[in-house]
Amino acid sequence: MKAFLSKYKWKILYWTLFLTIVLLFVPRQSDYYLDNDINAFKQTYLTRILLWTGIVTSGAIFVLVLVKAKSLKQSTTTFISAGVTIAFFFSFFKM
Protein backbone atom coordinates (compact mmCIF):
# COMPACT_ATOMS: atom_id res chain seq x y z
CA MET A 1 0.00 0.00 0.00
CA LYS A 2 2.86 2.35 0.83
CA ALA A 3 4.47 1.70 -2.55
CA PHE A 4 1.16 2.41 -4.28
CA LEU A 5 0.71 5.69 -2.42
CA SER A 6 4.27 6.83 -3.07
CA LYS A 7 3.96 5.93 -6.76
CA TYR A 8 0.62 7.66 -7.36
CA LYS A 9 0.64 10.41 -4.72
CA TRP A 10 0.53 13.29 -7.23
CA LYS A 11 -2.28 11.71 -9.24
CA ILE A 12 -4.26 11.02 -6.07
CA LEU A 13 -3.73 14.61 -4.90
CA TYR A 14 -4.72 15.99 -8.32
CA TRP A 15 -7.91 13.93 -8.58
CA THR A 16 -8.88 14.65 -4.98
CA LEU A 17 -8.51 18.38 -5.54
CA PHE A 18 -10.24 18.25 -8.93
CA LEU A 19 -13.20 16.25 -7.65
CA THR A 20 -13.52 18.49 -4.59
CA ILE A 21 -13.75 21.55 -6.80
CA VAL A 22 -16.11 19.97 -9.33
CA LEU A 23 -18.42 18.21 -6.89
CA LEU A 24 -18.49 20.69 -4.02
CA PHE A 25 -17.72 24.18 -5.27
CA VAL A 26 -19.22 24.32 -8.76
CA PRO A 27 -22.77 23.22 -7.86
CA ARG A 28 -22.91 25.77 -5.04
CA GLN A 29 -21.23 28.58 -6.94
CA SER A 30 -24.40 30.63 -7.15
CA ASP A 31 -24.58 30.57 -3.34
CA TYR A 32 -21.25 32.39 -3.08
CA TYR A 33 -21.78 35.08 -5.72
CA LEU A 34 -24.58 37.40 -6.62
CA ASP A 35 -26.10 37.06 -10.08
CA ASN A 36 -25.07 40.64 -10.88
CA ASP A 37 -21.44 39.81 -10.08
CA ILE A 38 -21.48 36.75 -12.33
CA ASN A 39 -23.02 38.69 -15.22
CA ALA A 40 -20.56 41.59 -14.76
CA PHE A 41 -17.63 39.15 -14.82
CA LYS A 42 -18.93 37.49 -17.99
CA GLN A 43 -19.41 40.82 -19.75
CA THR A 44 -16.17 42.42 -18.61
CA TYR A 45 -13.45 39.81 -18.11
CA LEU A 46 -14.45 36.41 -19.49
CA THR A 47 -13.74 37.17 -23.16
CA ARG A 48 -10.32 38.67 -22.41
CA ILE A 49 -9.35 35.85 -20.07
CA LEU A 50 -10.36 33.16 -22.57
CA LEU A 51 -8.64 34.97 -25.43
CA TRP A 52 -5.33 35.44 -23.62
CA THR A 53 -5.41 31.93 -22.22
CA GLY A 54 -5.88 30.62 -25.76
CA ILE A 55 -3.05 32.74 -27.13
CA VAL A 56 -0.61 31.74 -24.38
CA THR A 57 -1.56 28.07 -24.61
CA SER A 58 -1.22 27.99 -28.40
CA GLY A 59 2.13 29.77 -28.22
CA ALA A 60 3.42 27.40 -25.54
CA ILE A 61 2.33 24.37 -27.56
CA PHE A 62 4.02 25.80 -30.68
CA VAL A 63 7.30 26.40 -28.84
CA LEU A 64 7.28 22.98 -27.14
CA VAL A 65 6.63 21.13 -30.40
CA LEU A 66 9.21 23.25 -32.24
CA VAL A 67 11.85 22.47 -29.62
CA LYS A 68 11.08 18.74 -29.49
CA ALA A 69 10.41 18.07 -33.19
CA LYS A 70 12.65 20.77 -34.70
CA SER A 71 10.31 20.76 -37.69
CA LEU A 72 8.52 23.96 -38.62
CA LYS A 73 5.88 22.10 -40.65
CA GLN A 74 4.94 19.81 -37.75
CA SER A 75 4.99 22.73 -35.31
CA THR A 76 2.74 24.81 -37.54
CA THR A 77 0.28 21.94 -37.97
CA THR A 78 0.16 21.40 -34.21
CA PHE A 79 -0.22 25.14 -33.63
CA ILE A 80 -3.16 25.35 -36.04
CA SER A 81 -4.89 22.33 -34.52
CA ALA A 82 -4.38 23.75 -31.01
CA GLY A 83 -5.71 27.11 -32.17
CA VAL A 84 -8.82 25.55 -33.69
CA THR A 85 -9.43 23.49 -30.55
CA ILE A 86 -9.03 26.54 -28.33
CA ALA A 87 -11.33 28.55 -30.62
CA PHE A 88 -13.93 25.80 -30.25
CA PHE A 89 -13.65 25.93 -26.47
CA PHE A 90 -13.77 29.73 -26.60
CA SER A 91 -17.04 29.68 -28.49
CA PHE A 92 -18.40 26.87 -26.32
CA PHE A 93 -17.67 28.55 -22.99
CA LYS A 94 -18.68 32.00 -24.19
CA MET A 95 -22.34 30.94 -24.21
PDB file of N, CA and C in Angstrom:
ATOM      1  N   MET A   1       0.824  -1.193   0.000  1.00  0.00           N
ATOM      2  CA  MET A   1       0.000   0.000   0.000  1.00  0.00           C
ATOM      3  C   MET A   1       0.871   1.260   0.000  1.00  0.00           C
ATOM      4  N   LYS A   2       1.967   1.192   0.765  1.00  0.00           N
ATOM      5  CA  LYS A   2       2.864   2.347   0.833  1.00  0.00           C
ATOM      6  C   LYS A   2       3.516   2.610  -0.525  1.00  0.00           C
ATOM      7  N   ALA A   3       3.874   1.538  -1.220  1.00  0.00           N
ATOM      8  CA  ALA A   3       4.473   1.695  -2.549  1.00  0.00           C
ATOM      9  C   ALA A   3       3.466   2.295  -3.527  1.00  0.00           C
ATOM     10  N   PHE A   4       2.218   1.868  -3.426  1.00  0.00           N
ATOM     11  CA  PHE A   4       1.164   2.405  -4.281  1.00  0.00           C
ATOM     12  C   PHE A   4       0.974   3.890  -4.032  1.00  0.00           C
ATOM     13  N   LEU A   5       0.900   4.282  -2.754  1.00  0.00           N
ATOM     14  CA  LEU A   5       0.710   5.693  -2.421  1.00  0.00           C
ATOM     15  C   LEU A   5       1.896   6.542  -2.853  1.00  0.00           C
ATOM     16  N   SER A   6       3.102   6.044  -2.664  1.00  0.00           N
ATOM     17  CA  SER A   6       4.270   6.832  -3.067  1.00  0.00           C
ATOM     18  C   SER A   6       4.367   6.937  -4.590  1.00  0.00           C
ATOM     19  N   LYS A   7       3.899   5.891  -5.295  1.00  0.00           N
ATOM     20  CA  LYS A   7       3.961   5.932  -6.758  1.00  0.00           C
ATOM     21  C   LYS A   7       2.921   6.879  -7.345  1.00  0.00           C
ATOM     22  N   TYR A   8       1.720   6.889  -6.792  1.00  0.00           N
ATOM     23  CA  TYR A   8       0.618   7.660  -7.359  1.00  0.00           C
ATOM     24  C   TYR A   8       0.192   8.844  -6.502  1.00  0.00           C
ATOM     25  N   LYS A   9       1.052   9.355  -5.643  1.00  0.00           N
ATOM     26  CA  LYS A   9       0.641  10.412  -4.716  1.00  0.00           C
ATOM     27  C   LYS A   9       0.207  11.688  -5.441  1.00  0.00           C
ATOM     28  N   TRP A  10       0.892  12.056  -6.529  1.00  0.00           N
ATOM     29  CA  TRP A  10       0.531  13.286  -7.228  1.00  0.00           C
ATOM     30  C   TRP A  10      -0.779  13.128  -7.987  1.00  0.00           C
ATOM     31  N   LYS A  11      -1.010  11.948  -8.549  1.00  0.00           N
ATOM     32  CA  LYS A  11      -2.279  11.708  -9.242  1.00  0.00           C
ATOM     33  C   LYS A  11      -3.434  11.675  -8.250  1.00  0.00           C
ATOM     34  N   ILE A  12      -3.220  11.070  -7.111  1.00  0.00           N
ATOM     35  CA  ILE A  12      -4.258  11.023  -6.073  1.00  0.00           C
ATOM     36  C   ILE A  12      -4.567  12.430  -5.583  1.00  0.00           C
ATOM     37  N   LEU A  13      -3.540  13.224  -5.348  1.00  0.00           N
ATOM     38  CA  LEU A  13      -3.734  14.608  -4.903  1.00  0.00           C
ATOM     39  C   LEU A  13      -4.467  15.422  -5.965  1.00  0.00           C
ATOM     40  N   TYR A  14      -4.075  15.260  -7.226  1.00  0.00           N
ATOM     41  CA  TYR A  14      -4.724  15.987  -8.321  1.00  0.00           C
ATOM     42  C   TYR A  14      -6.197  15.630  -8.403  1.00  0.00           C
ATOM     43  N   TRP A  15      -6.523  14.347  -8.435  1.00  0.00           N
ATOM     44  CA  TRP A  15      -7.911  13.929  -8.579  1.00  0.00           C
ATOM     45  C   TRP A  15      -8.745  14.285  -7.364  1.00  0.00           C
ATOM     46  N   THR A  16      -8.152  14.241  -6.181  1.00  0.00           N
ATOM     47  CA  THR A  16      -8.880  14.647  -4.982  1.00  0.00           C
ATOM     48  C   THR A  16      -9.226  16.127  -5.051  1.00  0.00           C
ATOM     49  N   LEU A  17      -8.271  16.950  -5.417  1.00  0.00           N
ATOM     50  CA  LEU A  17      -8.508  18.382  -5.536  1.00  0.00           C
ATOM     51  C   LEU A  17      -9.505  18.681  -6.655  1.00  0.00           C
ATOM     52  N   PHE A  18      -9.344  18.038  -7.798  1.00  0.00           N
ATOM     53  CA  PHE A  18     -10.238  18.247  -8.925  1.00  0.00           C
ATOM     54  C   PHE A  18     -11.673  17.858  -8.578  1.00  0.00           C
ATOM     55  N   LEU A  19     -11.859  16.699  -7.997  1.00  0.00           N
ATOM     56  CA  LEU A  19     -13.204  16.250  -7.651  1.00  0.00           C
ATOM     57  C   LEU A  19     -13.825  17.107  -6.558  1.00  0.00           C
ATOM     58  N   THR A  20     -13.009  17.596  -5.623  1.00  0.00           N
ATOM     59  CA  THR A  20     -13.521  18.487  -4.590  1.00  0.00           C
ATOM     60  C   THR A  20     -14.063  19.770  -5.217  1.00  0.00           C
ATOM     61  N   ILE A  21     -13.309  20.314  -6.140  1.00  0.00           N
ATOM     62  CA  ILE A  21     -13.753  21.547  -6.798  1.00  0.00           C
ATOM     63  C   ILE A  21     -15.006  21.290  -7.624  1.00  0.00           C
ATOM     64  N   VAL A  22     -14.994  20.232  -8.424  1.00  0.00           N
ATOM     65  CA  VAL A  22     -16.106  19.970  -9.330  1.00  0.00           C
ATOM     66  C   VAL A  22     -17.366  19.557  -8.582  1.00  0.00           C
ATOM     67  N   LEU A  23     -17.232  18.734  -7.560  1.00  0.00           N
ATOM     68  CA  LEU A  23     -18.421  18.205  -6.888  1.00  0.00           C
ATOM     69  C   LEU A  23     -18.927  19.077  -5.741  1.00  0.00           C
ATOM     70  N   LEU A  24     -18.056  19.878  -5.143  1.00  0.00           N
ATOM     71  CA  LEU A  24     -18.494  20.689  -4.016  1.00  0.00           C
ATOM     72  C   LEU A  24     -18.659  22.165  -4.351  1.00  0.00           C
ATOM     73  N   PHE A  25     -17.682  22.741  -5.045  1.00  0.00           N
ATOM     74  CA  PHE A  25     -17.719  24.181  -5.272  1.00  0.00           C
ATOM     75  C   PHE A  25     -18.621  24.576  -6.436  1.00  0.00           C
ATOM     76  N   VAL A  26     -18.495  23.910  -7.554  1.00  0.00           N
ATOM     77  CA  VAL A  26     -19.218  24.316  -8.756  1.00  0.00           C
ATOM     78  C   VAL A  26     -20.740  24.268  -8.579  1.00  0.00           C
ATOM     79  N   PRO A  27     -21.305  23.205  -8.017  1.00  0.00           N
ATOM     80  CA  PRO A  27     -22.770  23.222  -7.863  1.00  0.00           C
ATOM     81  C   PRO A  27     -23.284  24.325  -6.941  1.00  0.00           C
ATOM     82  N   ARG A  28     -22.481  24.736  -5.995  1.00  0.00           N
ATOM     83  CA  ARG A  28     -22.912  25.770  -5.045  1.00  0.00           C
ATOM     84  C   ARG A  28     -22.359  27.152  -5.378  1.00  0.00           C
ATOM     85  N   GLN A  29     -21.857  27.325  -6.575  1.00  0.00           N
ATOM     86  CA  GLN A  29     -21.225  28.582  -6.938  1.00  0.00           C
ATOM     87  C   GLN A  29     -22.198  29.749  -6.860  1.00  0.00           C
ATOM     88  N   SER A  30     -23.429  29.533  -7.199  1.00  0.00           N
ATOM     89  CA  SER A  30     -24.401  30.628  -7.145  1.00  0.00           C
ATOM     90  C   SER A  30     -24.698  31.053  -5.707  1.00  0.00           C
ATOM     91  N   ASP A  31     -24.399  30.191  -4.735  1.00  0.00           N
ATOM     92  CA  ASP A  31     -24.583  30.571  -3.336  1.00  0.00           C
ATOM     93  C   ASP A  31     -23.530  31.581  -2.880  1.00  0.00           C
ATOM     94  N   TYR A  32     -22.356  31.545  -3.508  1.00  0.00           N
ATOM     95  CA  TYR A  32     -21.252  32.393  -3.081  1.00  0.00           C
ATOM     96  C   TYR A  32     -21.225  33.754  -3.786  1.00  0.00           C
ATOM     97  N   TYR A  33     -21.827  33.843  -4.949  1.00  0.00           N
ATOM     98  CA  TYR A  33     -21.776  35.075  -5.723  1.00  0.00           C
ATOM     99  C   TYR A  33     -23.190  35.552  -6.040  1.00  0.00           C
ATOM    100  N   LEU A  34     -23.321  36.836  -6.184  1.00  0.00           N
ATOM    101  CA  LEU A  34     -24.585  37.404  -6.619  1.00  0.00           C
ATOM    102  C   LEU A  34     -24.696  37.283  -8.136  1.00  0.00           C
ATOM    103  N   ASP A  35     -25.901  37.187  -8.634  1.00  0.00           N
ATOM    104  CA  ASP A  35     -26.102  37.063 -10.084  1.00  0.00           C
ATOM    105  C   ASP A  35     -25.539  38.261 -10.832  1.00  0.00           C
ATOM    106  N   ASN A  36     -25.621  39.437 -10.229  1.00  0.00           N
ATOM    107  CA  ASN A  36     -25.066  40.637 -10.876  1.00  0.00           C
ATOM    108  C   ASN A  36     -23.556  40.541 -11.013  1.00  0.00           C
ATOM    109  N   ASP A  37     -22.893  39.970 -10.008  1.00  0.00           N
ATOM    110  CA  ASP A  37     -21.443  39.805 -10.081  1.00  0.00           C
ATOM    111  C   ASP A  37     -21.048  38.831 -11.179  1.00  0.00           C
ATOM    112  N   ILE A  38     -21.778  37.736 -11.294  1.00  0.00           N
ATOM    113  CA  ILE A  38     -21.478  36.751 -12.329  1.00  0.00           C
ATOM    114  C   ILE A  38     -21.682  37.356 -13.712  1.00  0.00           C
ATOM    115  N   ASN A  39     -22.764  38.065 -13.914  1.00  0.00           N
ATOM    116  CA  ASN A  39     -23.023  38.695 -15.216  1.00  0.00           C
ATOM    117  C   ASN A  39     -21.989  39.769 -15.534  1.00  0.00           C
ATOM    118  N   ALA A  40     -21.587  40.553 -14.542  1.00  0.00           N
ATOM    119  CA  ALA A  40     -20.565  41.585 -14.760  1.00  0.00           C
ATOM    120  C   ALA A  40     -19.230  40.950 -15.129  1.00  0.00           C
ATOM    121  N   PHE A  41     -18.875  39.850 -14.481  1.00  0.00           N
ATOM    122  CA  PHE A  41     -17.634  39.145 -14.820  1.00  0.00           C
ATOM    123  C   PHE A  41     -17.686  38.623 -16.248  1.00  0.00           C
ATOM    124  N   LYS A  42     -18.807  38.027 -16.641  1.00  0.00           N
ATOM    125  CA  LYS A  42     -18.927  37.492 -17.994  1.00  0.00           C
ATOM    126  C   LYS A  42     -18.821  38.600 -19.032  1.00  0.00           C
ATOM    127  N   GLN A  43     -19.432  39.737 -18.776  1.00  0.00           N
ATOM    128  CA  GLN A  43     -19.414  40.820 -19.754  1.00  0.00           C
ATOM    129  C   GLN A  43     -18.073  41.531 -19.806  1.00  0.00           C
ATOM    130  N   THR A  44     -17.388  41.616 -18.674  1.00  0.00           N
ATOM    131  CA  THR A  44     -16.171  42.418 -18.612  1.00  0.00           C
ATOM    132  C   THR A  44     -14.898  41.611 -18.827  1.00  0.00           C
ATOM    133  N   TYR A  45     -14.741  40.490 -18.144  1.00  0.00           N
ATOM    134  CA  TYR A  45     -13.453  39.809 -18.107  1.00  0.00           C
ATOM    135  C   TYR A  45     -13.392  38.477 -18.843  1.00  0.00           C
ATOM    136  N   LEU A  46     -14.498  37.780 -18.993  1.00  0.00           N
ATOM    137  CA  LEU A  46     -14.453  36.414 -19.494  1.00  0.00           C
ATOM    138  C   LEU A  46     -13.860  36.326 -20.892  1.00  0.00           C
ATOM    139  N   THR A  47     -14.248  37.207 -21.790  1.00  0.00           N
ATOM    140  CA  THR A  47     -13.736  37.166 -23.160  1.00  0.00           C
ATOM    141  C   THR A  47     -12.230  37.400 -23.181  1.00  0.00           C
ATOM    142  N   ARG A  48     -11.761  38.386 -22.452  1.00  0.00           N
ATOM    143  CA  ARG A  48     -10.320  38.670 -22.414  1.00  0.00           C
ATOM    144  C   ARG A  48      -9.536  37.529 -21.800  1.00  0.00           C
ATOM    145  N   ILE A  49     -10.053  36.957 -20.730  1.00  0.00           N
ATOM    146  CA  ILE A  49      -9.350  35.852 -20.074  1.00  0.00           C
ATOM    147  C   ILE A  49      -9.266  34.651 -21.003  1.00  0.00           C
ATOM    148  N   LEU A  50     -10.370  34.291 -21.650  1.00  0.00           N
ATOM    149  CA  LEU A  50     -10.357  33.159 -22.568  1.00  0.00           C
ATOM    150  C   LEU A  50      -9.454  33.417 -23.769  1.00  0.00           C
ATOM    151  N   LEU A  51      -9.467  34.631 -24.282  1.00  0.00           N
ATOM    152  CA  LEU A  51      -8.636  34.972 -25.428  1.00  0.00           C
ATOM    153  C   LEU A  51      -7.151  34.867 -25.094  1.00  0.00           C
ATOM    154  N   TRP A  52      -6.740  35.470 -23.998  1.00  0.00           N
ATOM    155  CA  TRP A  52      -5.330  35.443 -23.620  1.00  0.00           C
ATOM    156  C   TRP A  52      -4.881  34.048 -23.201  1.00  0.00           C
ATOM    157  N   THR A  53      -5.751  33.304 -22.562  1.00  0.00           N
ATOM    158  CA  THR A  53      -5.408  31.925 -22.217  1.00  0.00           C
ATOM    159  C   THR A  53      -5.192  31.107 -23.484  1.00  0.00           C
ATOM    160  N   GLY A  54      -6.037  31.315 -24.481  1.00  0.00           N
ATOM    161  CA  GLY A  54      -5.875  30.619 -25.756  1.00  0.00           C
ATOM    162  C   GLY A  54      -4.596  31.005 -26.471  1.00  0.00           C
ATOM    163  N   ILE A  55      -4.271  32.278 -26.472  1.00  0.00           N
ATOM    164  CA  ILE A  55      -3.046  32.742 -27.131  1.00  0.00           C
ATOM    165  C   ILE A  55      -1.812  32.178 -26.449  1.00  0.00           C
ATOM    166  N   VAL A  56      -1.774  32.244 -25.129  1.00  0.00           N
ATOM    167  CA  VAL A  56      -0.610  31.740 -24.379  1.00  0.00           C
ATOM    168  C   VAL A  56      -0.483  30.234 -24.540  1.00  0.00           C
ATOM    169  N   THR A  57      -1.599  29.517 -24.471  1.00  0.00           N
ATOM    170  CA  THR A  57      -1.558  28.066 -24.606  1.00  0.00           C
ATOM    171  C   THR A  57      -1.105  27.657 -26.008  1.00  0.00           C
ATOM    172  N   SER A  58      -1.635  28.302 -27.032  1.00  0.00           N
ATOM    173  CA  SER A  58      -1.218  27.987 -28.401  1.00  0.00           C
ATOM    174  C   SER A  58       0.261  28.294 -28.609  1.00  0.00           C
ATOM    175  N   GLY A  59       0.716  29.416 -28.095  1.00  0.00           N
ATOM    176  CA  GLY A  59       2.129  29.768 -28.215  1.00  0.00           C
ATOM    177  C   GLY A  59       3.034  28.788 -27.490  1.00  0.00           C
ATOM    178  N   ALA A  60       2.628  28.372 -26.303  1.00  0.00           N
ATOM    179  CA  ALA A  60       3.424  27.403 -25.539  1.00  0.00           C
ATOM    180  C   ALA A  60       3.479  26.061 -26.260  1.00  0.00           C
ATOM    181  N   ILE A  61       2.359  25.633 -26.806  1.00  0.00           N
ATOM    182  CA  ILE A  61       2.334  24.371 -27.556  1.00  0.00           C
ATOM    183  C   ILE A  61       3.232  24.472 -28.787  1.00  0.00           C
ATOM    184  N   PHE A  62       3.178  25.600 -29.491  1.00  0.00           N
ATOM    185  CA  PHE A  62       4.022  25.796 -30.675  1.00  0.00           C
ATOM    186  C   PHE A  62       5.500  25.719 -30.308  1.00  0.00           C
ATOM    187  N   VAL A  63       5.893  26.399 -29.248  1.00  0.00           N
ATOM    188  CA  VAL A  63       7.303  26.402 -28.842  1.00  0.00           C
ATOM    189  C   VAL A  63       7.742  25.009 -28.398  1.00  0.00           C
ATOM    190  N   LEU A  64       6.913  24.321 -27.604  1.00  0.00           N
ATOM    191  CA  LEU A  64       7.280  22.982 -27.140  1.00  0.00           C
ATOM    192  C   LEU A  64       7.439  22.005 -28.297  1.00  0.00           C
ATOM    193  N   VAL A  65       6.525  22.037 -29.256  1.00  0.00           N
ATOM    194  CA  VAL A  65       6.627  21.126 -30.403  1.00  0.00           C
ATOM    195  C   VAL A  65       7.809  21.514 -31.275  1.00  0.00           C
ATOM    196  N   LEU A  66       8.071  22.799 -31.440  1.00  0.00           N
ATOM    197  CA  LEU A  66       9.209  23.246 -32.241  1.00  0.00           C
ATOM    198  C   LEU A  66      10.524  22.803 -31.622  1.00  0.00           C
ATOM    199  N   VAL A  67      10.616  22.883 -30.301  1.00  0.00           N
ATOM    200  CA  VAL A  67      11.849  22.471 -29.621  1.00  0.00           C
ATOM    201  C   VAL A  67      12.038  20.961 -29.706  1.00  0.00           C
ATOM    202  N   LYS A  68      10.962  20.203 -29.491  1.00  0.00           N
ATOM    203  CA  LYS A  68      11.080  18.744 -29.488  1.00  0.00           C
ATOM    204  C   LYS A  68      11.209  18.175 -30.901  1.00  0.00           C
ATOM    205  N   ALA A  69      10.423  18.658 -31.848  1.00  0.00           N
ATOM    206  CA  ALA A  69      10.413  18.071 -33.185  1.00  0.00           C
ATOM    207  C   ALA A  69      11.439  18.722 -34.108  1.00  0.00           C
ATOM    208  N   LYS A  70      11.740  19.992 -33.864  1.00  0.00           N
ATOM    209  CA  LYS A  70      12.651  20.774 -34.702  1.00  0.00           C
ATOM    210  C   LYS A  70      12.190  20.796 -36.164  1.00  0.00           C
ATOM    211  N   SER A  71      10.887  20.709 -36.351  1.00  0.00           N
ATOM    212  CA  SER A  71      10.307  20.757 -37.686  1.00  0.00           C
ATOM    213  C   SER A  71       9.251  21.857 -37.702  1.00  0.00           C
ATOM    214  N   LEU A  72       9.453  22.835 -38.550  1.00  0.00           N
ATOM    215  CA  LEU A  72       8.524  23.960 -38.623  1.00  0.00           C
ATOM    216  C   LEU A  72       7.165  23.517 -39.151  1.00  0.00           C
ATOM    217  N   LYS A  73       7.141  22.577 -40.081  1.00  0.00           N
ATOM    218  CA  LYS A  73       5.877  22.098 -40.648  1.00  0.00           C
ATOM    219  C   LYS A  73       5.040  21.397 -39.571  1.00  0.00           C
ATOM    220  N   GLN A  74       5.664  20.512 -38.804  1.00  0.00           N
ATOM    221  CA  GLN A  74       4.937  19.806 -37.754  1.00  0.00           C
ATOM    222  C   GLN A  74       4.495  20.779 -36.661  1.00  0.00           C
ATOM    223  N   SER A  75       5.333  21.742 -36.329  1.00  0.00           N
ATOM    224  CA  SER A  75       4.993  22.731 -35.311  1.00  0.00           C
ATOM    225  C   SER A  75       3.821  23.594 -35.757  1.00  0.00           C
ATOM    226  N   THR A  76       3.828  23.979 -37.013  1.00  0.00           N
ATOM    227  CA  THR A  76       2.738  24.808 -37.540  1.00  0.00           C
ATOM    228  C   THR A  76       1.427  24.030 -37.558  1.00  0.00           C
ATOM    229  N   THR A  77       1.482  22.772 -37.961  1.00  0.00           N
ATOM    230  CA  THR A  77       0.281  21.941 -37.970  1.00  0.00           C
ATOM    231  C   THR A  77      -0.277  21.785 -36.561  1.00  0.00           C
ATOM    232  N   THR A  78       0.589  21.536 -35.602  1.00  0.00           N
ATOM    233  CA  THR A  78       0.162  21.400 -34.212  1.00  0.00           C
ATOM    234  C   THR A  78      -0.386  22.716 -33.686  1.00  0.00           C
ATOM    235  N   PHE A  79       0.247  23.821 -34.047  1.00  0.00           N
ATOM    236  CA  PHE A  79      -0.218  25.144 -33.625  1.00  0.00           C
ATOM    237  C   PHE A  79      -1.616  25.436 -34.174  1.00  0.00           C
ATOM    238  N   ILE A  80      -1.846  25.112 -35.433  1.00  0.00           N
ATOM    239  CA  ILE A  80      -3.157  25.353 -36.040  1.00  0.00           C
ATOM    240  C   ILE A  80      -4.220  24.475 -35.391  1.00  0.00           C
ATOM    241  N   SER A  81      -3.894  23.207 -35.147  1.00  0.00           N
ATOM    242  CA  SER A  81      -4.890  22.331 -34.519  1.00  0.00           C
ATOM    243  C   SER A  81      -5.172  22.770 -33.084  1.00  0.00           C
ATOM    244  N   ALA A  82      -4.160  23.229 -32.368  1.00  0.00           N
ATOM    245  CA  ALA A  82      -4.377  23.747 -31.014  1.00  0.00           C
ATOM    246  C   ALA A  82      -5.212  25.017 -31.066  1.00  0.00           C
ATOM    247  N   GLY A  83      -4.938  25.875 -32.030  1.00  0.00           N
ATOM    248  CA  GLY A  83      -5.709  27.108 -32.171  1.00  0.00           C
ATOM    249  C   GLY A  83      -7.170  26.849 -32.485  1.00  0.00           C
ATOM    250  N   VAL A  84      -7.437  25.883 -33.357  1.00  0.00           N
ATOM    251  CA  VAL A  84      -8.825  25.546 -33.692  1.00  0.00           C
ATOM    252  C   VAL A  84      -9.533  24.950 -32.479  1.00  0.00           C
ATOM    253  N   THR A  85      -8.839  24.084 -31.753  1.00  0.00           N
ATOM    254  CA  THR A  85      -9.429  23.486 -30.549  1.00  0.00           C
ATOM    255  C   THR A  85      -9.730  24.551 -29.509  1.00  0.00           C
ATOM    256  N   ILE A  86      -8.824  25.471 -29.313  1.00  0.00           N
ATOM    257  CA  ILE A  86      -9.035  26.540 -28.334  1.00  0.00           C
ATOM    258  C   ILE A  86     -10.145  27.478 -28.798  1.00  0.00           C
ATOM    259  N   ALA A  87     -10.235  27.726 -30.102  1.00  0.00           N
ATOM    260  CA  ALA A  87     -11.334  28.551 -30.623  1.00  0.00           C
ATOM    261  C   ALA A  87     -12.677  27.865 -30.384  1.00  0.00           C
ATOM    262  N   PHE A  88     -12.703  26.545 -30.534  1.00  0.00           N
ATOM    263  CA  PHE A  88     -13.926  25.798 -30.247  1.00  0.00           C
ATOM    264  C   PHE A  88     -14.319  25.961 -28.782  1.00  0.00           C
ATOM    265  N   PHE A  89     -13.354  25.771 -27.886  1.00  0.00           N
ATOM    266  CA  PHE A  89     -13.654  25.934 -26.468  1.00  0.00           C
ATOM    267  C   PHE A  89     -14.053  27.373 -26.142  1.00  0.00           C
ATOM    268  N   PHE A  90     -13.426  28.325 -26.804  1.00  0.00           N
ATOM    269  CA  PHE A  90     -13.769  29.725 -26.596  1.00  0.00           C
ATOM    270  C   PHE A  90     -15.227  29.976 -26.944  1.00  0.00           C
ATOM    271  N   SER A  91     -15.652  29.471 -28.095  1.00  0.00           N
ATOM    272  CA  SER A  91     -17.039  29.678 -28.494  1.00  0.00           C
ATOM    273  C   SER A  91     -17.993  28.872 -27.627  1.00  0.00           C
ATOM    274  N   PHE A  92     -17.567  27.721 -27.155  1.00  0.00           N
ATOM    275  CA  PHE A  92     -18.405  26.868 -26.321  1.00  0.00           C
ATOM    276  C   PHE A  92     -18.625  27.495 -24.948  1.00  0.00           C
ATOM    277  N   PHE A  93     -17.556  27.995 -24.322  1.00  0.00           N
ATOM    278  CA  PHE A  93     -17.667  28.552 -22.986  1.00  0.00           C
ATOM    279  C   PHE A  93     -18.172  29.987 -22.975  1.00  0.00           C
ATOM    280  N   LYS A  94     -18.183  30.635 -24.111  1.00  0.00           N
ATOM    281  CA  LYS A  94     -18.681  32.002 -24.188  1.00  0.00           C
ATOM    282  C   LYS A  94     -20.179  32.046 -23.982  1.00  0.00           C
ATOM    283  N   MET A  95     -20.875  30.986 -24.342  1.00  0.00           N
ATOM    284  CA  MET A  95     -22.335  30.942 -24.209  1.00  0.00           C
ATOM    285  C   MET A  95     -22.714  30.896 -22.794  1.00  0.00           C
TER     286      MET A  95
END
